[in-house]
Amino acid sequence: MNRELALNPNKVVAFLGKSNKEFTKADIINYIEQNGIQMVNFMYPAGDGRLKTLNFVINNLEYLDAILTCGERVDGSSLFPFIEAGSSDLYVLPRFSTAFLDPFAQLPTLSMLCTYFNKDGQMLESSPENTLRKACKAFNDVTGMQFEAMGELEYYVIAPDEGLFPATDQKGYHESAPYAKFNEFRTQCMAYIAQAGGKIKYGHSEVGNFTIDGLVYEQNEIEFLPTAAEDAADQLMIAKWIIRNLAYQYGYDITFAPKITAGKAGSGLHIHMRIVKDGVNQMLDGGTLSEVARKAIAGMMTLAPSITAFGNTNPTSYFRLVPHQEAPTNICWGDRNRSVLVRVPLGWAAKSDMCRLANPLEGESHYDTTQKQTVEMRSPDGSADIYQLIAGLAVACRYGFEMDNALEVAQKTYVNVNIHQKENADRLNSLACLPDSCAASAVCLEEQRAAFEKHNVFSPAMIDGIIKRLKSYNDSTLRADIADDKDKMLSLVHQYFHCG
């Protein structure tokens, strides 16, 4: 049996007996006819980073064929700030490979993500999804390799405190029930995400948990598997939509915000990356980090100041990026080191057959563990436009291959110590810092925009729009201004509580 199809939880994949990448219009129509589907939903990300939805009732086969072939018109000026009302008509066309059965709809409903097209029938230059597509193409054109990614989606679940089995404050990492209260909610989210095509690695409770004013705040994480970067972004978008919808059904509140309250763990959106050629992971060479990986890291070290413009997009982002926390503040990288900006997580390079040691009845295992090696960017958070963020990382990794001194930059920015320990102060002082505000990120993006606009990846209009929005917060001194004012900080948190 095809190992990709066996046990696949996506009901469309299971019914059609083929990979979602092979779906055709005829397949979609066949699934709709054979499964009593009454509604079709088009879904697409807008300028606020959220998925929008257009509902279609299926009148007849002719109408179904029309919407699947021609898409539909939408008002671009209501979706993106850079589109003028006088020329705002756009088309949205479904991508059949993204089809999934809506787990929340009362009527049987098939949903699909869409691509934006302009009045001339060309992919919209400045749409987030197309920007990521262009970034991946440019990466492949320059390097001859494919850029893959996956996200660690952190979020808080908030519900009334029942007073039973209280969790230990800020000690929720991988906690089990009954001390972790929302494990069942998370596993239901994971099941729905998987049915919608999300390739999940695992889920668990995270560090953050506390009780305030009769409410339990519990941090959770769902982590994905590496896949083509465009698919990684789609999966994260659908996952956030599913988590929020299921929370609404349960009567819970959910936030992906980077800052929750004073003195408690904020939520990040760490992005892992790997570079693949002919199906083989290129991040290792002889069991050690490869030259390919170090060049990509050098690109991220160089463009890190402007990546915050895509990954940390409101003022509360910079209340998370503060010294002496797990969130990074300095531009450096290291192995298994959580104080750095780019981390090379523990791989499976040991020669020990751990499976056999744990299970003496097993024979020798010959699993290729090199495919598991990634590098992790730790600065982004849930305020990010996911498509722009992963596109920016693809640009940065590509940029490393265009630098003459990439390996030298990688060597200079490598650290193998906790830079926030007192004895390492000299090393800390030698490292550049990330921006400390939206305003500072805007300045960095303006200075480095040429790298993102190269190869026609980010349009000048998109870069202009990002810079304008970041500057509009006027937050250049905000972190210092309200550092000791808990009420003002909490008011800011409330303002951006449902970001992304």
Protein backbone atom coordinates (compact mmCIF):
# COMPACT_ATOMS: atom_id res chain seq x y z
CA MET A 1 0.00 0.00 0.00
CA ASN A 2 1.15 3.58 -0.71
CA ARG A 3 2.66 4.68 2.61
CA GLU A 4 1.50 8.28 2.05
CA LEU A 5 -2.12 7.21 1.68
CA ALA A 6 -2.22 4.54 4.39
CA LEU A 7 -3.85 5.92 7.57
CA ASN A 8 -4.23 9.37 5.97
CA PRO A 9 -6.90 11.19 8.06
CA ASN A 10 -7.96 13.57 5.24
CA LYS A 11 -11.34 12.18 4.20
CA VAL A 12 -11.02 13.49 0.65
CA VAL A 13 -7.67 11.75 0.22
CA ALA A 14 -9.06 8.54 1.69
CA PHE A 15 -12.12 8.56 -0.57
CA LEU A 16 -10.28 9.40 -3.79
CA GLY A 17 -7.35 7.10 -3.03
CA LYS A 18 -4.75 9.57 -4.24
CA SER A 19 -2.45 12.23 -2.84
CA ASN A 20 -3.97 15.70 -2.52
CA LYS A 21 -1.29 16.97 -4.93
CA GLU A 22 -2.97 14.87 -7.62
CA PHE A 23 -6.49 16.24 -7.11
CA THR A 24 -8.21 17.48 -10.27
CA LYS A 25 -11.46 19.32 -10.83
CA ALA A 26 -13.05 16.02 -11.84
CA ASP A 27 -11.95 14.53 -8.50
CA ILE A 28 -13.53 17.39 -6.57
CA ILE A 29 -16.80 17.07 -8.47
CA ASN A 30 -16.77 13.30 -7.98
CA TYR A 31 -16.24 13.68 -4.23
CA ILE A 32 -19.05 16.24 -3.98
CA GLU A 33 -21.49 14.05 -5.94
CA GLN A 34 -20.66 10.82 -4.11
CA ASN A 35 -20.67 12.28 -0.58
CA GLY A 36 -23.74 14.46 -0.56
CA ILE A 37 -21.82 17.73 -0.27
CA GLN A 38 -24.27 20.64 -0.29
CA MET A 39 -21.95 23.64 0.14
CA VAL A 40 -18.53 24.75 -1.11
CA ASN A 41 -16.41 27.29 0.76
CA PHE A 42 -13.63 29.37 -0.77
CA MET A 43 -11.10 30.53 1.87
CA TYR A 44 -8.24 33.01 1.43
CA PRO A 45 -5.89 35.05 3.65
CA ALA A 46 -6.32 38.83 3.72
CA GLY A 47 -4.15 41.71 4.84
CA ASP A 48 -5.03 41.17 8.51
CA GLY A 49 -3.53 37.67 8.37
CA ARG A 50 -6.86 35.88 8.87
CA LEU A 51 -8.71 33.51 6.56
CA LYS A 52 -11.81 34.92 4.86
CA THR A 53 -14.68 32.74 3.64
CA LEU A 54 -17.06 32.83 0.67
CA ASN A 55 -19.95 30.31 0.76
CA PHE A 56 -21.53 28.66 -2.28
CA VAL A 57 -24.64 26.52 -2.27
CA ILE A 58 -24.49 23.94 -5.05
CA ASN A 59 -27.40 24.75 -7.37
CA ASN A 60 -26.55 22.18 -10.01
CA LEU A 61 -23.61 20.52 -11.73
CA GLU A 62 -23.24 23.32 -14.26
CA TYR A 63 -22.91 25.95 -11.52
CA LEU A 64 -20.45 23.78 -9.57
CA ASP A 65 -18.27 23.44 -12.68
CA ALA A 66 -18.44 27.22 -13.21
CA ILE A 67 -17.21 28.19 -9.73
CA LEU A 68 -14.46 25.57 -9.74
CA THR A 69 -13.26 26.73 -13.17
CA CYS A 70 -13.76 30.49 -13.03
CA GLY A 71 -13.70 31.27 -9.33
CA GLU A 72 -15.51 34.39 -8.19
CA ARG A 73 -15.02 38.16 -7.88
CA VAL A 74 -14.15 39.72 -4.52
CA ASP A 75 -13.54 43.29 -3.34
CA GLY A 76 -9.79 43.58 -2.96
CA SER A 77 -9.95 46.99 -1.27
CA SER A 78 -11.83 45.40 1.65
CA LEU A 79 -9.18 42.69 1.93
CA PHE A 80 -5.88 44.53 1.43
CA PRO A 81 -4.91 48.10 2.39
CA PHE A 82 -2.76 48.56 -0.72
CA ILE A 83 -5.64 48.08 -3.17
CA GLU A 84 -7.61 51.19 -4.19
CA ALA A 85 -11.41 51.10 -4.22
CA GLY A 86 -11.48 52.40 -7.81
CA SER A 87 -9.80 49.26 -9.17
CA SER A 88 -10.46 46.72 -6.49
CA ASP A 89 -12.03 43.75 -8.27
CA LEU A 90 -10.04 40.55 -7.81
CA TYR A 91 -10.72 36.92 -8.62
CA VAL A 92 -10.31 34.03 -6.16
CA LEU A 93 -9.69 30.61 -7.71
CA PRO A 94 -9.70 27.42 -5.60
CA ARG A 95 -6.63 25.21 -5.34
CA PHE A 96 -8.01 21.69 -5.53
CA SER A 97 -5.07 20.23 -3.60
CA THR A 98 -6.23 22.04 -0.45
CA ALA A 99 -9.75 20.52 -0.36
CA PHE A 100 -11.01 19.33 3.01
CA LEU A 101 -14.32 18.52 4.66
CA ASP A 102 -15.34 21.40 6.95
CA PRO A 103 -15.56 19.91 10.48
CA PHE A 104 -17.77 22.74 11.78
CA ALA A 105 -20.40 23.16 9.07
CA GLN A 106 -23.95 21.97 9.81
CA LEU A 107 -24.46 21.12 6.15
CA PRO A 108 -21.89 18.84 4.44
CA THR A 109 -19.35 21.38 3.17
CA LEU A 110 -16.13 21.12 1.19
CA SER A 111 -13.61 23.93 1.73
CA MET A 112 -10.62 24.94 -0.38
CA LEU A 113 -7.96 27.62 -0.12
CA CYS A 114 -7.76 30.07 -3.02
CA THR A 115 -5.26 32.02 -5.08
CA TYR A 116 -5.86 35.69 -5.92
CA PHE A 117 -5.83 36.91 -9.54
CA ASN A 118 -5.97 40.47 -10.87
CA LYS A 119 -8.21 41.89 -13.61
CA ASP A 120 -5.80 40.62 -16.28
CA GLY A 121 -6.03 37.05 -15.05
CA GLN A 122 -2.53 37.09 -13.55
CA MET A 123 -1.68 36.03 -10.00
CA LEU A 124 -1.93 39.08 -7.76
CA GLU A 125 1.63 40.37 -7.39
CA SER A 126 1.25 41.49 -3.78
CA SER A 127 -0.88 38.72 -2.33
CA PRO A 128 0.81 36.96 0.61
CA GLU A 129 0.36 33.50 -0.90
CA ASN A 130 1.87 34.52 -4.25
CA THR A 131 4.77 36.26 -2.49
CA LEU A 132 5.64 32.97 -0.80
CA ARG A 133 5.31 31.12 -4.11
CA LYS A 134 7.76 33.57 -5.72
CA ALA A 135 10.16 33.30 -2.79
CA CYS A 136 10.30 29.52 -3.10
CA LYS A 137 10.79 29.71 -6.86
CA ALA A 138 13.64 32.20 -6.46
CA PHE A 139 15.25 29.95 -3.86
CA ASN A 140 15.09 27.00 -6.24
CA ASP A 141 16.34 29.08 -9.21
CA VAL A 142 19.39 30.30 -7.27
CA THR A 143 20.31 27.14 -5.34
CA GLY A 144 18.80 24.27 -7.33
CA MET A 145 17.25 23.05 -4.08
CA GLN A 146 13.84 23.18 -2.42
CA PHE A 147 12.99 25.24 0.67
CA GLU A 148 10.91 23.45 3.28
CA ALA A 149 9.45 24.70 6.53
CA MET A 150 7.21 23.89 9.45
CA GLY A 151 5.83 25.84 12.38
CA GLU A 152 5.50 25.49 16.14
CA LEU A 153 2.07 26.99 16.82
CA GLU A 154 1.83 28.22 20.42
CA TYR A 155 -1.41 29.54 21.90
CA TYR A 156 -3.19 30.08 25.20
CA VAL A 157 -6.53 28.51 26.11
CA ILE A 158 -8.54 30.61 28.58
CA ALA A 159 -11.52 29.29 30.57
CA PRO A 160 -13.10 29.60 34.04
CA ASP A 161 -11.06 28.12 36.88
CA GLU A 162 -12.80 25.12 38.46
CA GLY A 163 -10.32 24.99 41.35
CA LEU A 164 -9.36 21.35 40.83
CA PHE A 165 -5.79 20.03 40.51
CA PRO A 166 -4.17 23.45 40.12
CA ALA A 167 -1.17 23.54 37.80
CA THR A 168 2.24 24.70 39.00
CA ASP A 169 2.73 28.27 37.83
CA GLN A 170 4.98 28.48 34.73
CA LYS A 171 5.75 24.74 34.94
CA GLY A 172 3.30 23.43 32.35
CA TYR A 173 5.79 21.96 29.88
CA HIS A 174 4.45 18.59 28.66
CA GLU A 175 2.11 18.39 31.68
CA SER A 176 -0.49 15.63 31.77
CA ALA A 177 -4.11 15.78 32.87
CA PRO A 178 -5.58 16.60 35.33
CA TYR A 179 -2.99 19.32 35.98
CA ALA A 180 -3.16 20.27 32.30
CA LYS A 181 -6.82 21.11 31.70
CA PHE A 182 -7.07 21.34 27.92
CA ASN A 183 -5.30 18.26 26.56
CA GLU A 184 -8.53 16.84 25.14
CA PHE A 185 -9.31 20.14 23.46
CA ARG A 186 -5.84 20.16 21.89
CA THR A 187 -6.12 16.59 20.64
CA GLN A 188 -9.50 17.36 19.07
CA CYS A 189 -7.90 20.36 17.35
CA MET A 190 -5.11 18.11 16.11
CA ALA A 191 -7.58 15.58 14.73
CA TYR A 192 -9.46 18.29 12.79
CA ILE A 193 -6.23 19.86 11.51
CA ALA A 194 -5.03 16.45 10.29
CA GLN A 195 -8.38 15.84 8.57
CA ALA A 196 -7.89 19.19 6.82
CA GLY A 197 -4.51 18.07 5.47
CA GLY A 198 -2.20 19.34 8.21
CA LYS A 199 0.91 17.20 8.68
CA ILE A 200 1.28 17.27 12.46
CA LYS A 201 4.39 16.15 14.31
CA TYR A 202 2.97 16.31 17.84
CA GLY A 203 1.12 18.41 20.40
CA HIS A 204 1.71 19.17 24.09
CA SER A 205 1.09 21.64 26.87
CA GLU A 206 3.68 24.39 27.14
CA VAL A 207 5.43 26.26 29.96
CA GLY A 208 2.84 28.99 30.48
CA ASN A 209 0.01 28.33 32.90
CA PHE A 210 -1.47 30.61 35.53
CA THR A 211 -4.74 31.76 37.08
CA ILE A 212 -5.92 35.37 37.18
CA ASP A 213 -9.33 36.74 38.21
CA GLY A 214 -10.94 33.31 38.22
CA LEU A 215 -9.65 32.34 34.77
CA VAL A 216 -7.18 29.59 33.88
CA TYR A 217 -4.62 30.49 31.22
CA GLU A 218 -2.94 27.40 29.77
CA GLN A 219 -0.35 27.48 27.01
CA ASN A 220 -0.33 24.71 24.40
CA GLU A 221 1.65 23.94 21.28
CA ILE A 222 0.98 22.03 18.06
CA GLU A 223 4.08 21.37 15.99
CA PHE A 224 4.07 20.37 12.34
CA LEU A 225 6.29 18.25 10.11
CA PRO A 226 8.59 19.80 7.47
CA THR A 227 6.99 20.15 4.07
CA ALA A 228 7.10 22.43 1.03
CA ALA A 229 7.06 25.97 2.40
CA GLU A 230 3.81 26.92 0.60
CA ASP A 231 2.07 23.93 2.18
CA ALA A 232 3.53 24.76 5.59
CA ALA A 233 1.95 28.21 5.47
CA ASP A 234 -1.42 26.84 4.32
CA GLN A 235 -1.41 24.32 7.17
CA LEU A 236 -0.68 26.97 9.80
CA MET A 237 -3.45 29.20 8.47
CA ILE A 238 -6.03 26.41 8.57
CA ALA A 239 -4.79 25.31 12.01
CA LYS A 240 -5.36 28.75 13.54
CA TRP A 241 -8.83 28.85 11.99
CA ILE A 242 -9.66 25.39 13.38
CA ILE A 243 -8.35 26.13 16.88
CA ARG A 244 -10.40 29.31 17.12
CA ASN A 245 -13.57 27.70 15.80
CA LEU A 246 -13.36 24.72 18.10
CA ALA A 247 -12.65 27.00 21.06
CA TYR A 248 -15.79 28.95 20.20
CA GLN A 249 -17.80 25.73 20.32
CA TYR A 250 -16.31 24.83 23.72
CA GLY A 251 -16.86 28.32 25.10
CA TYR A 252 -13.11 28.92 25.49
CA ASP A 253 -11.13 31.97 24.51
CA ILE A 254 -7.95 31.55 22.47
CA THR A 255 -5.04 33.87 21.82
CA PHE A 256 -1.88 33.53 19.71
CA ALA A 257 -0.66 36.90 21.05
CA PRO A 258 3.05 37.24 21.85
CA LYS A 259 2.42 38.83 25.25
CA ILE A 260 -0.26 37.68 27.69
CA THR A 261 0.45 39.45 30.96
CA ALA A 262 3.37 40.65 33.07
CA GLY A 263 5.90 38.06 34.13
CA LYS A 264 4.39 35.10 32.24
CA ALA A 265 5.59 33.20 29.19
CA GLY A 266 4.51 34.72 25.89
CA SER A 267 3.76 32.73 22.75
CA GLY A 268 6.06 32.43 19.76
CA LEU A 269 5.69 31.03 16.28
CA HIS A 270 9.04 29.33 15.80
CA ILE A 271 9.72 28.30 12.20
CA HIS A 272 11.92 25.30 11.41
CA MET A 273 13.54 25.05 7.99
CA ARG A 274 15.38 22.48 5.95
CA ILE A 275 16.81 22.47 2.44
CA VAL A 276 16.19 19.47 0.21
CA LYS A 277 17.60 18.26 -3.11
CA ASP A 278 16.18 15.25 -4.94
CA GLY A 279 14.31 14.30 -1.78
CA VAL A 280 17.45 14.30 0.39
CA ASN A 281 17.91 16.66 3.33
CA GLN A 282 21.01 18.82 2.77
CA MET A 283 21.35 20.15 6.34
CA LEU A 284 23.96 17.59 7.41
CA ASP A 285 27.25 16.44 5.90
CA GLY A 286 28.89 13.45 7.51
CA GLY A 287 26.87 13.88 10.69
CA THR A 288 27.76 17.56 11.17
CA LEU A 289 26.04 20.75 10.06
CA SER A 290 26.62 21.18 6.34
CA GLU A 291 28.00 24.11 4.38
CA VAL A 292 24.52 24.42 2.83
CA ALA A 293 22.99 24.90 6.29
CA ARG A 294 25.65 27.38 7.40
CA LYS A 295 25.16 29.51 4.28
CA ALA A 296 21.41 29.62 4.91
CA ILE A 297 22.06 30.58 8.54
CA ALA A 298 24.41 33.35 7.43
CA GLY A 299 21.63 34.80 5.29
CA MET A 300 19.29 34.78 8.27
CA MET A 301 21.94 36.40 10.46
CA THR A 302 22.34 39.18 7.89
CA LEU A 303 18.65 39.87 7.28
CA ALA A 304 17.43 39.11 10.81
CA PRO A 305 16.75 42.77 11.67
CA SER A 306 14.19 43.08 8.86
CA ILE A 307 12.64 39.62 9.31
CA THR A 308 11.03 41.05 12.45
CA ALA A 309 8.96 43.25 10.11
CA PHE A 310 7.19 40.09 8.93
CA GLY A 311 7.30 38.03 12.11
CA ASN A 312 6.74 40.56 14.92
CA THR A 313 4.10 42.94 13.67
CA ASN A 314 2.53 44.78 16.61
CA PRO A 315 3.94 46.59 19.66
CA THR A 316 3.36 43.70 22.07
CA SER A 317 5.76 41.58 20.01
CA TYR A 318 8.63 43.57 21.45
CA PHE A 319 7.52 43.00 25.05
CA ARG A 320 8.24 39.32 24.38
CA LEU A 321 11.66 39.95 22.77
CA VAL A 322 13.38 41.04 25.97
CA PRO A 323 16.66 39.89 27.58
CA HIS A 324 16.93 36.93 29.95
CA GLN A 325 13.90 35.11 28.55
CA GLU A 326 13.74 32.18 26.11
CA ALA A 327 12.72 34.59 23.33
CA PRO A 328 15.86 35.87 21.55
CA THR A 329 17.18 39.43 21.52
CA ASN A 330 20.59 39.06 19.87
CA ILE A 331 21.57 38.03 16.36
CA CYS A 332 23.43 34.76 16.76
CA TRP A 333 22.99 31.03 16.32
CA GLY A 334 24.07 27.85 18.05
CA ASP A 335 23.55 24.14 18.63
CA ARG A 336 20.72 23.18 21.01
CA ASN A 337 21.02 26.67 22.56
CA ARG A 338 17.70 28.33 23.44
CA SER A 339 19.24 31.77 24.08
CA VAL A 340 20.07 32.22 20.38
CA LEU A 341 18.04 33.58 17.47
CA VAL A 342 18.58 30.57 15.18
CA ARG A 343 18.88 27.24 16.94
CA VAL A 344 20.16 23.98 15.51
CA PRO A 345 18.04 21.53 17.52
CA LEU A 346 19.29 18.20 18.73
CA GLY A 347 19.48 15.82 15.81
CA TRP A 348 19.71 12.06 15.60
CA ALA A 349 23.41 11.90 14.73
CA ALA A 350 24.35 9.37 17.42
CA LYS A 351 25.26 5.94 16.09
CA SER A 352 23.37 4.20 18.90
CA ASP A 353 20.33 2.12 17.90
CA MET A 354 18.06 3.68 20.54
CA CYS A 355 14.96 1.80 19.37
CA ARG A 356 16.63 -1.54 19.93
CA LEU A 357 18.05 -0.47 23.29
CA ALA A 358 14.57 0.56 24.47
CA ASN A 359 12.94 -2.52 22.93
CA PRO A 360 15.26 -5.55 23.13
CA LEU A 361 12.93 -7.71 21.03
CA GLU A 362 13.43 -5.47 17.98
CA GLY A 363 15.96 -6.19 15.27
CA GLU A 364 18.39 -3.58 13.99
CA SER A 365 16.73 -0.41 12.71
CA HIS A 366 18.10 1.35 9.64
CA TYR A 367 16.03 4.53 9.66
CA ASP A 368 17.55 7.54 7.86
CA THR A 369 17.54 10.05 10.69
CA THR A 370 19.32 12.77 8.66
CA GLN A 371 15.95 13.82 7.25
CA LYS A 372 14.95 15.06 10.72
CA GLN A 373 17.60 17.80 10.98
CA THR A 374 16.30 21.37 10.74
CA VAL A 375 17.31 24.86 11.85
CA GLU A 376 14.87 26.97 13.86
CA MET A 377 14.17 30.72 13.75
CA ARG A 378 12.94 31.67 17.23
CA SER A 379 11.98 35.35 16.99
CA PRO A 380 8.57 35.25 15.18
CA ASP A 381 5.27 35.21 17.02
CA GLY A 382 1.56 34.78 16.34
CA SER A 383 1.15 38.34 15.06
CA ALA A 384 3.02 37.34 11.89
CA ASP A 385 1.54 37.24 8.43
CA ILE A 386 2.45 33.58 7.98
CA TYR A 387 2.98 33.77 4.21
CA GLN A 388 5.11 36.91 4.39
CA LEU A 389 7.13 35.49 7.28
CA ILE A 390 8.00 32.20 5.57
CA ALA A 391 8.64 34.09 2.32
CA GLY A 392 11.02 36.38 4.21
CA LEU A 393 12.86 33.39 5.64
CA ALA A 394 13.12 31.81 2.19
CA VAL A 395 14.61 35.07 0.92
CA ALA A 396 17.07 35.20 3.83
CA CYS A 397 18.22 31.61 3.32
CA ARG A 398 18.60 32.22 -0.43
CA TYR A 399 20.54 35.41 0.34
CA GLY A 400 23.11 33.33 2.19
CA PHE A 401 23.96 31.57 -1.07
CA GLU A 402 24.37 34.94 -2.79
CA MET A 403 26.83 36.24 -0.17
CA ASP A 404 30.55 35.93 -0.85
CA ASN A 405 31.37 35.80 2.87
CA ALA A 406 28.51 33.60 4.08
CA LEU A 407 30.66 31.02 5.87
CA GLU A 408 32.65 33.78 7.57
CA VAL A 409 29.42 35.43 8.79
CA ALA A 410 28.18 32.08 10.07
CA GLN A 411 31.41 31.56 12.01
CA LYS A 412 31.36 35.06 13.55
CA THR A 413 27.76 34.77 14.76
CA TYR A 414 28.04 31.26 16.22
CA VAL A 415 27.80 30.92 20.00
CA ASN A 416 28.01 27.79 22.12
CA VAL A 417 27.24 29.35 25.51
CA ASN A 418 24.23 30.92 27.20
CA ILE A 419 24.85 34.52 26.26
CA HIS A 420 22.70 35.83 29.12
CA GLN A 421 24.90 34.37 31.84
CA LYS A 422 27.09 36.93 33.58
CA GLU A 423 30.37 35.24 32.66
CA ASN A 424 29.47 35.57 28.94
CA ALA A 425 28.82 39.33 29.00
CA ASP A 426 31.68 40.10 26.61
CA ARG A 427 30.32 37.69 24.01
CA LEU A 428 26.83 39.16 24.42
CA ASN A 429 28.11 42.71 23.92
CA SER A 430 29.82 41.69 20.69
CA LEU A 431 26.52 40.64 19.07
CA ALA A 432 24.08 42.84 17.19
CA CYS A 433 20.58 43.20 18.64
CA LEU A 434 17.16 42.67 17.11
CA PRO A 435 14.95 45.76 16.73
CA ASP A 436 13.11 46.76 19.90
CA SER A 437 9.93 48.15 18.31
CA CYS A 438 7.77 48.13 15.21
CA ALA A 439 9.26 51.49 14.30
CA ALA A 440 12.80 50.10 14.48
CA SER A 441 11.78 47.08 12.41
CA ALA A 442 10.37 49.42 9.76
CA VAL A 443 13.71 51.21 9.55
CA CYS A 444 15.56 47.89 9.18
CA LEU A 445 13.20 46.73 6.43
CA GLU A 446 13.67 50.01 4.57
CA GLU A 447 17.44 49.55 4.75
CA GLN A 448 17.37 45.92 3.60
CA ARG A 449 14.36 45.96 1.27
CA ALA A 450 16.48 45.40 -1.86
CA ALA A 451 17.19 41.82 -0.74
CA PHE A 452 13.48 41.06 -0.45
CA GLU A 453 12.53 42.80 -3.69
CA LYS A 454 15.27 40.99 -5.63
CA HIS A 455 14.00 38.37 -8.08
CA ASN A 456 10.61 40.12 -7.90
CA VAL A 457 9.68 38.28 -4.70
CA PHE A 458 8.27 41.04 -2.47
CA SER A 459 6.60 43.78 -4.49
CA PRO A 460 7.62 47.37 -3.65
CA ALA A 461 3.95 48.07 -2.86
CA MET A 462 3.90 45.29 -0.27
CA ILE A 463 7.14 46.49 1.35
CA ASP A 464 5.83 50.07 1.40
CA GLY A 465 2.62 48.88 3.04
CA ILE A 466 4.45 46.91 5.73
CA ILE A 467 6.72 49.85 6.54
CA LYS A 468 3.77 52.25 6.70
CA ARG A 469 1.82 49.98 9.05
CA LEU A 470 4.79 49.40 11.37
CA LYS A 471 5.56 53.11 11.58
CA SER A 472 1.91 53.92 12.35
CA TYR A 473 2.29 52.41 15.85
CA ASN A 474 4.70 55.20 16.88
CA ASP A 475 6.23 52.81 19.39
CA SER A 476 9.93 53.64 19.15
CA THR A 477 10.18 54.28 22.92
CA LEU A 478 7.04 52.46 24.05
CA ARG A 479 8.78 49.52 25.70
CA ALA A 480 10.83 51.82 27.90
CA ASP A 481 7.96 54.25 28.48
CA ILE A 482 5.61 51.71 30.05
CA ALA A 483 8.08 49.15 31.35
CA ASP A 484 7.01 49.80 34.94
CA ASP A 485 3.34 50.50 34.27
CA LYS A 486 1.53 47.17 34.43
CA ASP A 487 -1.89 48.69 33.68
CA LYS A 488 -0.72 50.33 30.47
CA MET A 489 1.03 47.15 29.37
CA LEU A 490 -2.11 45.08 30.02
CA SER A 491 -4.19 47.60 28.09
CA LEU A 492 -1.83 47.14 25.15
CA VAL A 493 -2.09 43.34 25.46
CA HIS A 494 -5.89 43.60 25.42
CA GLN A 495 -5.76 45.78 22.29
CA TYR A 496 -3.80 43.15 20.33
CA PHE A 497 -5.13 40.04 22.06
CA HIS A 498 -6.57 38.52 18.88
CA CYS A 499 -3.75 39.42 16.51
CA GLY A 500 -2.91 37.25 13.53
